[in-house]
Amino acid sequence: KDDVRSMSDNFSEIVKLCRIEDETQVVTATQAEDYALEMQVRASNMVRAGESLMKLVSDLKQYLILNDFPSVNEAIAQNSNVFKETQASCDTKLTQMRDEMATDLFELEDEYYSSSYK
């Protein structure tokens, strides 16, 4: 709240500095340098307030991500189900491969032991 007010106030003051004023006792070049310096200070105050607001937004996002337990739990449950399905699929394929290899090995052993060339 203070940062937004600071940005608004500094911006309005910068706009006020852009007005052309009547002649004063201060030399125009000196007055221009004074206005330029004041504008730089106010612009840096606006930048600081903007960075503070960006940090606040970042902190809010981080808080939401870290403390949103229902969605985190849901994501964990979904990943767990996907991994369980993948595990079941791999187990089925490995069992089929084992059975096929056992059958092939049995046939090869039978052929080897019944061969006359051994």
PDB file of N, CA and C in Angstrom:
ATOM      1  N   LYS A   1       0.830  -1.183   0.000  1.00  0.00           N
ATOM      2  CA  LYS A   1       0.000   0.000   0.000  1.00  0.00           C
ATOM      3  C   LYS A   1       0.878   1.252   0.000  1.00  0.00           C
ATOM      4  N   ASP A   2       1.899   1.240   0.839  1.00  0.00           N
ATOM      5  CA  ASP A   2       2.815   2.383   0.891  1.00  0.00           C
ATOM      6  C   ASP A   2       3.611   2.507  -0.405  1.00  0.00           C
ATOM      7  N   ASP A   3       3.969   1.349  -0.994  1.00  0.00           N
ATOM      8  CA  ASP A   3       4.746   1.379  -2.237  1.00  0.00           C
ATOM      9  C   ASP A   3       3.924   1.948  -3.385  1.00  0.00           C
ATOM     10  N   VAL A   4       2.674   1.585  -3.447  1.00  0.00           N
ATOM     11  CA  VAL A   4       1.814   2.114  -4.511  1.00  0.00           C
ATOM     12  C   VAL A   4       1.634   3.619  -4.327  1.00  0.00           C
ATOM     13  N   ARG A   5       1.424   4.037  -3.097  1.00  0.00           N
ATOM     14  CA  ARG A   5       1.280   5.465  -2.821  1.00  0.00           C
ATOM     15  C   ARG A   5       2.580   6.202  -3.145  1.00  0.00           C
ATOM     16  N   SER A   6       3.706   5.616  -2.815  1.00  0.00           N
ATOM     17  CA  SER A   6       5.001   6.225  -3.111  1.00  0.00           C
ATOM     18  C   SER A   6       5.193   6.384  -4.610  1.00  0.00           C
ATOM     19  N   MET A   7       4.847   5.347  -5.368  1.00  0.00           N
ATOM     20  CA  MET A   7       4.975   5.437  -6.823  1.00  0.00           C
ATOM     21  C   MET A   7       4.075   6.543  -7.373  1.00  0.00           C
ATOM     22  N   SER A   8       2.860   6.592  -6.896  1.00  0.00           N
ATOM     23  CA  SER A   8       1.911   7.602  -7.360  1.00  0.00           C
ATOM     24  C   SER A   8       2.386   9.015  -7.008  1.00  0.00           C
ATOM     25  N   ASP A   9       2.805   9.194  -5.776  1.00  0.00           N
ATOM     26  CA  ASP A   9       3.276  10.520  -5.343  1.00  0.00           C
ATOM     27  C   ASP A   9       4.503  10.964  -6.121  1.00  0.00           C
ATOM     28  N   ASN A  10       5.454  10.063  -6.272  1.00  0.00           N
ATOM     29  CA  ASN A  10       6.677  10.413  -7.004  1.00  0.00           C
ATOM     30  C   ASN A  10       6.382  10.730  -8.466  1.00  0.00           C
ATOM     31  N   PHE A  11       5.478   9.975  -9.067  1.00  0.00           N
ATOM     32  CA  PHE A  11       5.131  10.236 -10.462  1.00  0.00           C
ATOM     33  C   PHE A  11       4.464  11.602 -10.602  1.00  0.00           C
ATOM     34  N   SER A  12       3.538  11.899  -9.703  1.00  0.00           N
ATOM     35  CA  SER A  12       2.864  13.205  -9.789  1.00  0.00           C
ATOM     36  C   SER A  12       3.854  14.351  -9.556  1.00  0.00           C
ATOM     37  N   GLU A  13       4.826  14.154  -8.679  1.00  0.00           N
ATOM     38  CA  GLU A  13       5.831  15.196  -8.454  1.00  0.00           C
ATOM     39  C   GLU A  13       6.729  15.376  -9.669  1.00  0.00           C
ATOM     40  N   ILE A  14       7.056  14.277 -10.352  1.00  0.00           N
ATOM     41  CA  ILE A  14       7.860  14.380 -11.575  1.00  0.00           C
ATOM     42  C   ILE A  14       7.082  15.149 -12.636  1.00  0.00           C
ATOM     43  N   VAL A  15       5.791  14.874 -12.751  1.00  0.00           N
ATOM     44  CA  VAL A  15       4.972  15.601 -13.722  1.00  0.00           C
ATOM     45  C   VAL A  15       4.912  17.086 -13.360  1.00  0.00           C
ATOM     46  N   LYS A  16       4.808  17.398 -12.079  1.00  0.00           N
ATOM     47  CA  LYS A  16       4.781  18.804 -11.650  1.00  0.00           C
ATOM     48  C   LYS A  16       6.095  19.511 -11.998  1.00  0.00           C
ATOM     49  N   LEU A  17       7.210  18.778 -11.919  1.00  0.00           N
ATOM     50  CA  LEU A  17       8.505  19.380 -12.234  1.00  0.00           C
ATOM     51  C   LEU A  17       8.634  19.716 -13.715  1.00  0.00           C
ATOM     52  N   CYS A  18       7.851  19.084 -14.547  1.00  0.00           N
ATOM     53  CA  CYS A  18       7.942  19.314 -15.987  1.00  0.00           C
ATOM     54  C   CYS A  18       7.287  20.621 -16.419  1.00  0.00           C
ATOM     55  N   ARG A  19       6.556  21.246 -15.534  1.00  0.00           N
ATOM     56  CA  ARG A  19       5.926  22.526 -15.874  1.00  0.00           C
ATOM     57  C   ARG A  19       6.992  23.602 -16.070  1.00  0.00           C
ATOM     58  N   ILE A  20       6.682  24.515 -16.953  1.00  0.00           N
ATOM     59  CA  ILE A  20       7.570  25.650 -17.159  1.00  0.00           C
ATOM     60  C   ILE A  20       7.084  26.774 -16.254  1.00  0.00           C
ATOM     61  N   GLU A  21       7.981  27.283 -15.444  1.00  0.00           N
ATOM     62  CA  GLU A  21       7.601  28.337 -14.505  1.00  0.00           C
ATOM     63  C   GLU A  21       8.100  29.682 -14.995  1.00  0.00           C
ATOM     64  N   ASP A  22       7.579  30.719 -14.385  1.00  0.00           N
ATOM     65  CA  ASP A  22       8.013  32.073 -14.718  1.00  0.00           C
ATOM     66  C   ASP A  22       9.451  32.274 -14.242  1.00  0.00           C
ATOM     67  N   GLU A  23      10.001  33.364 -14.656  1.00  0.00           N
ATOM     68  CA  GLU A  23      11.373  33.689 -14.277  1.00  0.00           C
ATOM     69  C   GLU A  23      11.498  33.806 -12.756  1.00  0.00           C
ATOM     70  N   THR A  24      12.568  33.255 -12.242  1.00  0.00           N
ATOM     71  CA  THR A  24      12.859  33.364 -10.812  1.00  0.00           C
ATOM     72  C   THR A  24      14.259  33.935 -10.656  1.00  0.00           C
ATOM     73  N   GLN A  25      14.685  34.055  -9.439  1.00  0.00           N
ATOM     74  CA  GLN A  25      16.021  34.612  -9.189  1.00  0.00           C
ATOM     75  C   GLN A  25      17.123  33.587  -9.474  1.00  0.00           C
ATOM     76  N   VAL A  26      16.753  32.282  -9.507  1.00  0.00           N
ATOM     77  CA  VAL A  26      17.735  31.222  -9.747  1.00  0.00           C
ATOM     78  C   VAL A  26      17.986  31.127 -11.252  1.00  0.00           C
ATOM     79  N   VAL A  27      19.232  30.941 -11.622  1.00  0.00           N
ATOM     80  CA  VAL A  27      19.604  30.821 -13.026  1.00  0.00           C
ATOM     81  C   VAL A  27      18.913  29.589 -13.613  1.00  0.00           C
ATOM     82  N   THR A  28      18.481  29.670 -14.859  1.00  0.00           N
ATOM     83  CA  THR A  28      17.726  28.599 -15.512  1.00  0.00           C
ATOM     84  C   THR A  28      18.520  27.298 -15.553  1.00  0.00           C
ATOM     85  N   ALA A  29      19.812  27.356 -15.833  1.00  0.00           N
ATOM     86  CA  ALA A  29      20.639  26.150 -15.889  1.00  0.00           C
ATOM     87  C   ALA A  29      20.709  25.489 -14.516  1.00  0.00           C
ATOM     88  N   THR A  30      20.848  26.294 -13.485  1.00  0.00           N
ATOM     89  CA  THR A  30      20.907  25.759 -12.123  1.00  0.00           C
ATOM     90  C   THR A  30      19.578  25.113 -11.751  1.00  0.00           C
ATOM     91  N   GLN A  31      18.504  25.792 -12.128  1.00  0.00           N
ATOM     92  CA  GLN A  31      17.178  25.263 -11.823  1.00  0.00           C
ATOM     93  C   GLN A  31      16.950  23.950 -12.578  1.00  0.00           C
ATOM     94  N   ALA A  32      17.411  23.864 -13.827  1.00  0.00           N
ATOM     95  CA  ALA A  32      17.273  22.644 -14.628  1.00  0.00           C
ATOM     96  C   ALA A  32      18.050  21.503 -13.990  1.00  0.00           C
ATOM     97  N   GLU A  33      19.256  21.787 -13.509  1.00  0.00           N
ATOM     98  CA  GLU A  33      20.053  20.754 -12.844  1.00  0.00           C
ATOM     99  C   GLU A  33      19.357  20.279 -11.573  1.00  0.00           C
ATOM    100  N   ASP A  34      18.786  21.225 -10.832  1.00  0.00           N
ATOM    101  CA  ASP A  34      18.069  20.880  -9.609  1.00  0.00           C
ATOM    102  C   ASP A  34      16.874  19.985  -9.930  1.00  0.00           C
ATOM    103  N   TYR A  35      16.114  20.353 -10.968  1.00  0.00           N
ATOM    104  CA  TYR A  35      14.959  19.543 -11.373  1.00  0.00           C
ATOM    105  C   TYR A  35      15.401  18.158 -11.853  1.00  0.00           C
ATOM    106  N   ALA A  36      16.495  18.106 -12.601  1.00  0.00           N
ATOM    107  CA  ALA A  36      16.988  16.815 -13.109  1.00  0.00           C
ATOM    108  C   ALA A  36      17.378  15.906 -11.953  1.00  0.00           C
ATOM    109  N   LEU A  37      18.067  16.470 -10.966  1.00  0.00           N
ATOM    110  CA  LEU A  37      18.459  15.670  -9.813  1.00  0.00           C
ATOM    111  C   LEU A  37      17.235  15.184  -9.044  1.00  0.00           C
ATOM    112  N   GLU A  38      16.271  16.071  -8.860  1.00  0.00           N
ATOM    113  CA  GLU A  38      15.058  15.676  -8.141  1.00  0.00           C
ATOM    114  C   GLU A  38      14.299  14.591  -8.910  1.00  0.00           C
ATOM    115  N   MET A  39      14.253  14.706 -10.233  1.00  0.00           N
ATOM    116  CA  MET A  39      13.595  13.682 -11.051  1.00  0.00           C
ATOM    117  C   MET A  39      14.308  12.342 -10.921  1.00  0.00           C
ATOM    118  N   GLN A  40      15.635  12.370 -10.898  1.00  0.00           N
ATOM    119  CA  GLN A  40      16.391  11.118 -10.755  1.00  0.00           C
ATOM    120  C   GLN A  40      16.108  10.458  -9.407  1.00  0.00           C
ATOM    121  N   VAL A  41      16.070  11.275  -8.361  1.00  0.00           N
ATOM    122  CA  VAL A  41      15.794  10.730  -7.027  1.00  0.00           C
ATOM    123  C   VAL A  41      14.396  10.144  -6.981  1.00  0.00           C
ATOM    124  N   ARG A  42      13.425  10.881  -7.534  1.00  0.00           N
ATOM    125  CA  ARG A  42      12.045  10.384  -7.513  1.00  0.00           C
ATOM    126  C   ARG A  42      11.899   9.135  -8.388  1.00  0.00           C
ATOM    127  N   ALA A  43      12.588   9.115  -9.524  1.00  0.00           N
ATOM    128  CA  ALA A  43      12.538   7.928 -10.390  1.00  0.00           C
ATOM    129  C   ALA A  43      13.145   6.725  -9.677  1.00  0.00           C
ATOM    130  N   SER A  44      14.238   6.926  -8.956  1.00  0.00           N
ATOM    131  CA  SER A  44      14.834   5.796  -8.223  1.00  0.00           C
ATOM    132  C   SER A  44      13.919   5.347  -7.089  1.00  0.00           C
ATOM    133  N   ASN A  45      13.192   6.290  -6.475  1.00  0.00           N
ATOM    134  CA  ASN A  45      12.204   5.904  -5.453  1.00  0.00           C
ATOM    135  C   ASN A  45      11.085   5.071  -6.069  1.00  0.00           C
ATOM    136  N   MET A  46      10.681   5.423  -7.291  1.00  0.00           N
ATOM    137  CA  MET A  46       9.643   4.644  -7.981  1.00  0.00           C
ATOM    138  C   MET A  46      10.156   3.246  -8.310  1.00  0.00           C
ATOM    139  N   VAL A  47      11.396   3.162  -8.740  1.00  0.00           N
ATOM    140  CA  VAL A  47      11.993   1.855  -9.048  1.00  0.00           C
ATOM    141  C   VAL A  47      12.072   0.999  -7.791  1.00  0.00           C
ATOM    142  N   ARG A  48      12.497   1.595  -6.678  1.00  0.00           N
ATOM    143  CA  ARG A  48      12.566   0.855  -5.417  1.00  0.00           C
ATOM    144  C   ARG A  48      11.190   0.344  -5.011  1.00  0.00           C
ATOM    145  N   ALA A  49      10.172   1.200  -5.142  1.00  0.00           N
ATOM    146  CA  ALA A  49       8.810   0.786  -4.793  1.00  0.00           C
ATOM    147  C   ALA A  49       8.334  -0.331  -5.724  1.00  0.00           C
ATOM    148  N   GLY A  50       8.661  -0.234  -7.017  1.00  0.00           N
ATOM    149  CA  GLY A  50       8.293  -1.292  -7.971  1.00  0.00           C
ATOM    150  C   GLY A  50       8.962  -2.611  -7.644  1.00  0.00           C
ATOM    151  N   GLU A  51      10.239  -2.559  -7.284  1.00  0.00           N
ATOM    152  CA  GLU A  51      10.950  -3.787  -6.906  1.00  0.00           C
ATOM    153  C   GLU A  51      10.363  -4.389  -5.642  1.00  0.00           C
ATOM    154  N   SER A  52       9.966  -3.533  -4.716  1.00  0.00           N
ATOM    155  CA  SER A  52       9.341  -4.020  -3.492  1.00  0.00           C
ATOM    156  C   SER A  52       8.019  -4.723  -3.806  1.00  0.00           C
ATOM    157  N   LEU A  53       7.247  -4.150  -4.716  1.00  0.00           N
ATOM    158  CA  LEU A  53       5.987  -4.783  -5.118  1.00  0.00           C
ATOM    159  C   LEU A  53       6.232  -6.106  -5.847  1.00  0.00           C
ATOM    160  N   MET A  54       7.268  -6.150  -6.692  1.00  0.00           N
ATOM    161  CA  MET A  54       7.590  -7.396  -7.392  1.00  0.00           C
ATOM    162  C   MET A  54       8.029  -8.475  -6.402  1.00  0.00           C
ATOM    163  N   LYS A  55       8.777  -8.097  -5.377  1.00  0.00           N
ATOM    164  CA  LYS A  55       9.175  -9.054  -4.341  1.00  0.00           C
ATOM    165  C   LYS A  55       7.956  -9.564  -3.596  1.00  0.00           C
ATOM    166  N   LEU A  56       6.993  -8.676  -3.323  1.00  0.00           N
ATOM    167  CA  LEU A  56       5.767  -9.087  -2.653  1.00  0.00           C
ATOM    168  C   LEU A  56       5.000 -10.096  -3.500  1.00  0.00           C
ATOM    169  N   VAL A  57       4.900  -9.843  -4.799  1.00  0.00           N
ATOM    170  CA  VAL A  57       4.217 -10.777  -5.695  1.00  0.00           C
ATOM    171  C   VAL A  57       4.945 -12.117  -5.720  1.00  0.00           C
ATOM    172  N   SER A  58       6.269 -12.080  -5.767  1.00  0.00           N
ATOM    173  CA  SER A  58       7.062 -13.309  -5.763  1.00  0.00           C
ATOM    174  C   SER A  58       6.841 -14.092  -4.470  1.00  0.00           C
ATOM    175  N   ASP A  59       6.821 -13.400  -3.341  1.00  0.00           N
ATOM    176  CA  ASP A  59       6.588 -14.066  -2.064  1.00  0.00           C
ATOM    177  C   ASP A  59       5.204 -14.694  -2.007  1.00  0.00           C
ATOM    178  N   LEU A  60       4.214 -13.996  -2.547  1.00  0.00           N
ATOM    179  CA  LEU A  60       2.847 -14.548  -2.570  1.00  0.00           C
ATOM    180  C   LEU A  60       2.771 -15.807  -3.435  1.00  0.00           C
ATOM    181  N   LYS A  61       3.437 -15.763  -4.594  1.00  0.00           N
ATOM    182  CA  LYS A  61       3.462 -16.943  -5.465  1.00  0.00           C
ATOM    183  C   LYS A  61       4.143 -18.113  -4.771  1.00  0.00           C
ATOM    184  N   GLN A  62       5.274 -17.840  -4.138  1.00  0.00           N
ATOM    185  CA  GLN A  62       6.000 -18.895  -3.443  1.00  0.00           C
ATOM    186  C   GLN A  62       5.154 -19.471  -2.309  1.00  0.00           C
ATOM    187  N   TYR A  63       4.487 -18.621  -1.563  1.00  0.00           N
ATOM    188  CA  TYR A  63       3.616 -19.073  -0.478  1.00  0.00           C
ATOM    189  C   TYR A  63       2.501 -19.960  -1.025  1.00  0.00           C
ATOM    190  N   LEU A  64       1.905 -19.543  -2.144  1.00  0.00           N
ATOM    191  CA  LEU A  64       0.825 -20.325  -2.737  1.00  0.00           C
ATOM    192  C   LEU A  64       1.329 -21.683  -3.196  1.00  0.00           C
ATOM    193  N   ILE A  65       2.497 -21.696  -3.831  1.00  0.00           N
ATOM    194  CA  ILE A  65       3.040 -22.962  -4.336  1.00  0.00           C
ATOM    195  C   ILE A  65       3.380 -23.902  -3.186  1.00  0.00           C
ATOM    196  N   LEU A  66       4.023 -23.371  -2.148  1.00  0.00           N
ATOM    197  CA  LEU A  66       4.482 -24.226  -1.059  1.00  0.00           C
ATOM    198  C   LEU A  66       3.361 -24.657  -0.120  1.00  0.00           C
ATOM    199  N   ASN A  67       2.321 -23.860  -0.019  1.00  0.00           N
ATOM    200  CA  ASN A  67       1.276 -24.160   0.961  1.00  0.00           C
ATOM    201  C   ASN A  67      -0.045 -24.586   0.338  1.00  0.00           C
ATOM    202  N   ASP A  68      -0.045 -24.924  -0.926  1.00  0.00           N
ATOM    203  CA  ASP A  68      -1.261 -25.392  -1.582  1.00  0.00           C
ATOM    204  C   ASP A  68      -1.287 -26.921  -1.517  1.00  0.00           C
ATOM    205  N   PHE A  69      -1.516 -27.447  -0.305  1.00  0.00           N
ATOM    206  CA  PHE A  69      -1.411 -28.879  -0.076  1.00  0.00           C
ATOM    207  C   PHE A  69      -2.412 -29.721  -0.872  1.00  0.00           C
ATOM    208  N   PRO A  70      -3.666 -29.318  -1.042  1.00  0.00           N
ATOM    209  CA  PRO A  70      -4.579 -30.162  -1.819  1.00  0.00           C
ATOM    210  C   PRO A  70      -4.096 -30.406  -3.244  1.00  0.00           C
ATOM    211  N   SER A  71      -3.631 -29.372  -3.923  1.00  0.00           N
ATOM    212  CA  SER A  71      -3.173 -29.581  -5.294  1.00  0.00           C
ATOM    213  C   SER A  71      -1.864 -30.361  -5.329  1.00  0.00           C
ATOM    214  N   VAL A  72      -0.997 -30.142  -4.332  1.00  0.00           N
ATOM    215  CA  VAL A  72       0.246 -30.910  -4.268  1.00  0.00           C
ATOM    216  C   VAL A  72      -0.060 -32.384  -4.040  1.00  0.00           C
ATOM    217  N   ASN A  73      -0.973 -32.661  -3.125  1.00  0.00           N
ATOM    218  CA  ASN A  73      -1.351 -34.052  -2.853  1.00  0.00           C
ATOM    219  C   ASN A  73      -2.003 -34.696  -4.068  1.00  0.00           C
ATOM    220  N   GLU A  74      -2.816 -33.931  -4.785  1.00  0.00           N
ATOM    221  CA  GLU A  74      -3.452 -34.462  -5.987  1.00  0.00           C
ATOM    222  C   GLU A  74      -2.411 -34.793  -7.050  1.00  0.00           C
ATOM    223  N   ALA A  75      -1.430 -33.914  -7.229  1.00  0.00           N
ATOM    224  CA  ALA A  75      -0.370 -34.163  -8.205  1.00  0.00           C
ATOM    225  C   ALA A  75       0.453 -35.393  -7.819  1.00  0.00           C
ATOM    226  N   ILE A  76       0.724 -35.546  -6.532  1.00  0.00           N
ATOM    227  CA  ILE A  76       1.472 -36.725  -6.064  1.00  0.00           C
ATOM    228  C   ILE A  76       0.677 -37.992  -6.315  1.00  0.00           C
ATOM    229  N   ALA A  77      -0.626 -37.949  -6.041  1.00  0.00           N
ATOM    230  CA  ALA A  77      -1.477 -39.122  -6.268  1.00  0.00           C
ATOM    231  C   ALA A  77      -1.529 -39.482  -7.750  1.00  0.00           C
ATOM    232  N   GLN A  78      -1.642 -38.489  -8.615  1.00  0.00           N
ATOM    233  CA  GLN A  78      -1.668 -38.753 -10.055  1.00  0.00           C
ATOM    234  C   GLN A  78      -0.358 -39.374 -10.520  1.00  0.00           C
ATOM    235  N   ASN A  79       0.761 -38.813 -10.071  1.00  0.00           N
ATOM    236  CA  ASN A  79       2.061 -39.376 -10.448  1.00  0.00           C
ATOM    237  C   ASN A  79       2.221 -40.790  -9.914  1.00  0.00           C
ATOM    238  N   SER A  80       1.758 -41.023  -8.709  1.00  0.00           N
ATOM    239  CA  SER A  80       1.843 -42.355  -8.124  1.00  0.00           C
ATOM    240  C   SER A  80       1.056 -43.358  -8.955  1.00  0.00           C
ATOM    241  N   ASN A  81      -0.147 -42.989  -9.385  1.00  0.00           N
ATOM    242  CA  ASN A  81      -0.961 -43.888 -10.217  1.00  0.00           C
ATOM    243  C   ASN A  81      -0.294 -44.162 -11.554  1.00  0.00           C
ATOM    244  N   VAL A  82       0.284 -43.140 -12.157  1.00  0.00           N
ATOM    245  CA  VAL A  82       0.979 -43.329 -13.437  1.00  0.00           C
ATOM    246  C   VAL A  82       2.150 -44.286 -13.266  1.00  0.00           C
ATOM    247  N   PHE A  83       2.909 -44.121 -12.188  1.00  0.00           N
ATOM    248  CA  PHE A  83       4.064 -44.986 -11.960  1.00  0.00           C
ATOM    249  C   PHE A  83       3.642 -46.419 -11.639  1.00  0.00           C
ATOM    250  N   LYS A  84       2.544 -46.572 -10.924  1.00  0.00           N
ATOM    251  CA  LYS A  84       2.043 -47.929 -10.639  1.00  0.00           C
ATOM    252  C   LYS A  84       1.611 -48.628 -11.924  1.00  0.00           C
ATOM    253  N   GLU A  85       0.950 -47.889 -12.817  1.00  0.00           N
ATOM    254  CA  GLU A  85       0.549 -48.470 -14.102  1.00  0.00           C
ATOM    255  C   GLU A  85       1.775 -48.852 -14.929  1.00  0.00           C
ATOM    256  N   THR A  86       2.790 -47.992 -14.920  1.00  0.00           N
ATOM    257  CA  THR A  86       4.025 -48.291 -15.651  1.00  0.00           C
ATOM    258  C   THR A  86       4.713 -49.519 -15.068  1.00  0.00           C
ATOM    259  N   GLN A  87       4.723 -49.630 -13.743  1.00  0.00           N
ATOM    260  CA  GLN A  87       5.332 -50.778 -13.089  1.00  0.00           C
ATOM    261  C   GLN A  87       4.582 -52.056 -13.452  1.00  0.00           C
ATOM    262  N   ALA A  88       3.261 -52.017 -13.438  1.00  0.00           N
ATOM    263  CA  ALA A  88       2.472 -53.205 -13.788  1.00  0.00           C
ATOM    264  C   ALA A  88       2.728 -53.607 -15.235  1.00  0.00           C
ATOM    265  N   SER A  89       2.809 -52.634 -16.125  1.00  0.00           N
ATOM    266  CA  SER A  89       3.077 -52.921 -17.532  1.00  0.00           C
ATOM    267  C   SER A  89       4.459 -53.555 -17.704  1.00  0.00           C
ATOM    268  N   CYS A  90       5.456 -53.013 -17.026  1.00  0.00           N
ATOM    269  CA  CYS A  90       6.816 -53.580 -17.103  1.00  0.00           C
ATOM    270  C   CYS A  90       6.860 -55.003 -16.531  1.00  0.00           C
ATOM    271  N   ASP A  91       6.174 -55.199 -15.407  1.00  0.00           N
ATOM    272  CA  ASP A  91       6.145 -56.541 -14.811  1.00  0.00           C
ATOM    273  C   ASP A  91       5.518 -57.554 -15.761  1.00  0.00           C
ATOM    274  N   THR A  92       4.437 -57.169 -16.426  1.00  0.00           N
ATOM    275  CA  THR A  92       3.769 -58.066 -17.376  1.00  0.00           C
ATOM    276  C   THR A  92       4.687 -58.401 -18.539  1.00  0.00           C
ATOM    277  N   LYS A  93       5.351 -57.405 -19.089  1.00  0.00           N
ATOM    278  CA  LYS A  93       6.263 -57.633 -20.215  1.00  0.00           C
ATOM    279  C   LYS A  93       7.446 -58.504 -19.813  1.00  0.00           C
ATOM    280  N   LEU A  94       7.988 -58.267 -18.612  1.00  0.00           N
ATOM    281  CA  LEU A  94       9.110 -59.090 -18.144  1.00  0.00           C
ATOM    282  C   LEU A  94       8.688 -60.536 -17.921  1.00  0.00           C
ATOM    283  N   THR A  95       7.499 -60.735 -17.402  1.00  0.00           N
ATOM    284  CA  THR A  95       6.990 -62.103 -17.196  1.00  0.00           C
ATOM    285  C   THR A  95       6.825 -62.810 -18.535  1.00  0.00           C
ATOM    286  N   GLN A  96       6.291 -62.107 -19.538  1.00  0.00           N
ATOM    287  CA  GLN A  96       6.145 -62.701 -20.863  1.00  0.00           C
ATOM    288  C   GLN A  96       7.504 -63.050 -21.462  1.00  0.00           C
ATOM    289  N   MET A  97       8.471 -62.148 -21.311  1.00  0.00           N
ATOM    290  CA  MET A  97       9.812 -62.422 -21.827  1.00  0.00           C
ATOM    291  C   MET A  97      10.433 -63.632 -21.132  1.00  0.00           C
ATOM    292  N   ARG A  98      10.261 -63.727 -19.807  1.00  0.00           N
ATOM    293  CA  ARG A  98      10.804 -64.855 -19.062  1.00  0.00           C
ATOM    294  C   ARG A  98      10.200 -66.160 -19.555  1.00  0.00           C
ATOM    295  N   ASP A  99       8.872 -66.190 -19.752  1.00  0.00           N
ATOM    296  CA  ASP A  99       8.207 -67.403 -20.222  1.00  0.00           C
ATOM    297  C   ASP A  99       8.662 -67.794 -21.627  1.00  0.00           C
ATOM    298  N   GLU A 100       8.794 -66.806 -22.508  1.00  0.00           N
ATOM    299  CA  GLU A 100       9.265 -67.087 -23.866  1.00  0.00           C
ATOM    300  C   GLU A 100      10.696 -67.600 -23.857  1.00  0.00           C
ATOM    301  N   MET A 101      11.550 -67.004 -23.028  1.00  0.00           N
ATOM    302  CA  MET A 101      12.944 -67.458 -22.960  1.00  0.00           C
ATOM    303  C   MET A 101      13.040 -68.859 -22.368  1.00  0.00           C
ATOM    304  N   ALA A 102      12.215 -69.153 -21.380  1.00  0.00           N
ATOM    305  CA  ALA A 102      12.229 -70.502 -20.796  1.00  0.00           C
ATOM    306  C   ALA A 102      11.800 -71.536 -21.832  1.00  0.00           C
ATOM    307  N   THR A 103      10.779 -71.201 -22.615  1.00  0.00           N
ATOM    308  CA  THR A 103      10.317 -72.113 -23.668  1.00  0.00           C
ATOM    309  C   THR A 103      11.402 -72.310 -24.717  1.00  0.00           C
ATOM    310  N   ASP A 104      12.015 -71.208 -25.155  1.00  0.00           N
ATOM    311  CA  ASP A 104      13.077 -71.303 -26.154  1.00  0.00           C
ATOM    312  C   ASP A 104      14.275 -72.086 -25.619  1.00  0.00           C
ATOM    313  N   LEU A 105      14.648 -71.864 -24.364  1.00  0.00           N
ATOM    314  CA  LEU A 105      15.760 -72.586 -23.763  1.00  0.00           C
ATOM    315  C   LEU A 105      15.460 -74.072 -23.676  1.00  0.00           C
ATOM    316  N   PHE A 106      14.244 -74.403 -23.298  1.00  0.00           N
ATOM    317  CA  PHE A 106      13.859 -75.809 -23.211  1.00  0.00           C
ATOM    318  C   PHE A 106      13.960 -76.470 -24.584  1.00  0.00           C
ATOM    319  N   GLU A 107      13.491 -75.773 -25.616  1.00  0.00           N
ATOM    320  CA  GLU A 107      13.564 -76.329 -26.978  1.00  0.00           C
ATOM    321  C   GLU A 107      15.009 -76.476 -27.425  1.00  0.00           C
ATOM    322  N   LEU A 108      15.857 -75.493 -27.115  1.00  0.00           N
ATOM    323  CA  LEU A 108      17.267 -75.564 -27.505  1.00  0.00           C
ATOM    324  C   LEU A 108      18.000 -76.681 -26.763  1.00  0.00           C
ATOM    325  N   GLU A 109      17.705 -76.850 -25.471  1.00  0.00           N
ATOM    326  CA  GLU A 109      18.331 -77.937 -24.717  1.00  0.00           C
ATOM    327  C   GLU A 109      17.890 -79.288 -25.254  1.00  0.00           C
ATOM    328  N   ASP A 110      16.618 -79.400 -25.570  1.00  0.00           N
ATOM    329  CA  ASP A 110      16.100 -80.659 -26.115  1.00  0.00           C
ATOM    330  C   ASP A 110      16.778 -80.972 -27.446  1.00  0.00           C
ATOM    331  N   GLU A 111      16.948 -79.947 -28.275  1.00  0.00           N
ATOM    332  CA  GLU A 111      17.600 -80.147 -29.574  1.00  0.00           C
ATOM    333  C   GLU A 111      19.065 -80.500 -29.389  1.00  0.00           C
ATOM    334  N   TYR A 112      19.737 -79.858 -28.446  1.00  0.00           N
ATOM    335  CA  TYR A 112      21.145 -80.119 -28.221  1.00  0.00           C
ATOM    336  C   TYR A 112      21.387 -81.537 -27.707  1.00  0.00           C
ATOM    337  N   TYR A 113      20.607 -81.942 -26.723  1.00  0.00           N
ATOM    338  CA  TYR A 113      20.846 -83.247 -26.116  1.00  0.00           C
ATOM    339  C   TYR A 113      20.403 -84.405 -27.003  1.00  0.00           C
ATOM    340  N   SER A 114      19.492 -84.122 -27.937  1.00  0.00           N
ATOM    341  CA  SER A 114      19.065 -85.189 -28.838  1.00  0.00           C
ATOM    342  C   SER A 114      19.846 -85.171 -30.147  1.00  0.00           C
ATOM    343  N   SER A 115      20.792 -84.264 -30.282  1.00  0.00           N
ATOM    344  CA  SER A 115      21.570 -84.142 -31.496  1.00  0.00           C
ATOM    345  C   SER A 115      22.657 -85.219 -31.525  1.00  0.00           C
ATOM    346  N   SER A 116      22.978 -85.672 -32.716  1.00  0.00           N
ATOM    347  CA  SER A 116      24.023 -86.689 -32.866  1.00  0.00           C
ATOM    348  C   SER A 116      25.408 -86.055 -33.014  1.00  0.00           C
ATOM    349  N   TYR A 117      25.486 -84.721 -33.127  1.00  0.00           N
ATOM    350  CA  TYR A 117      26.765 -84.033 -33.322  1.00  0.00           C
ATOM    351  C   TYR A 117      27.407 -83.544 -32.039  1.00  0.00           C
ATOM    352  N   LYS A 118      26.927 -83.867 -30.882  1.00  0.00           N
ATOM    353  CA  LYS A 118      27.495 -83.321 -29.676  1.00  0.00           C
ATOM    354  C   LYS A 118      28.745 -83.951 -29.259  1.00  0.00           C
TER     355      LYS A 118
END
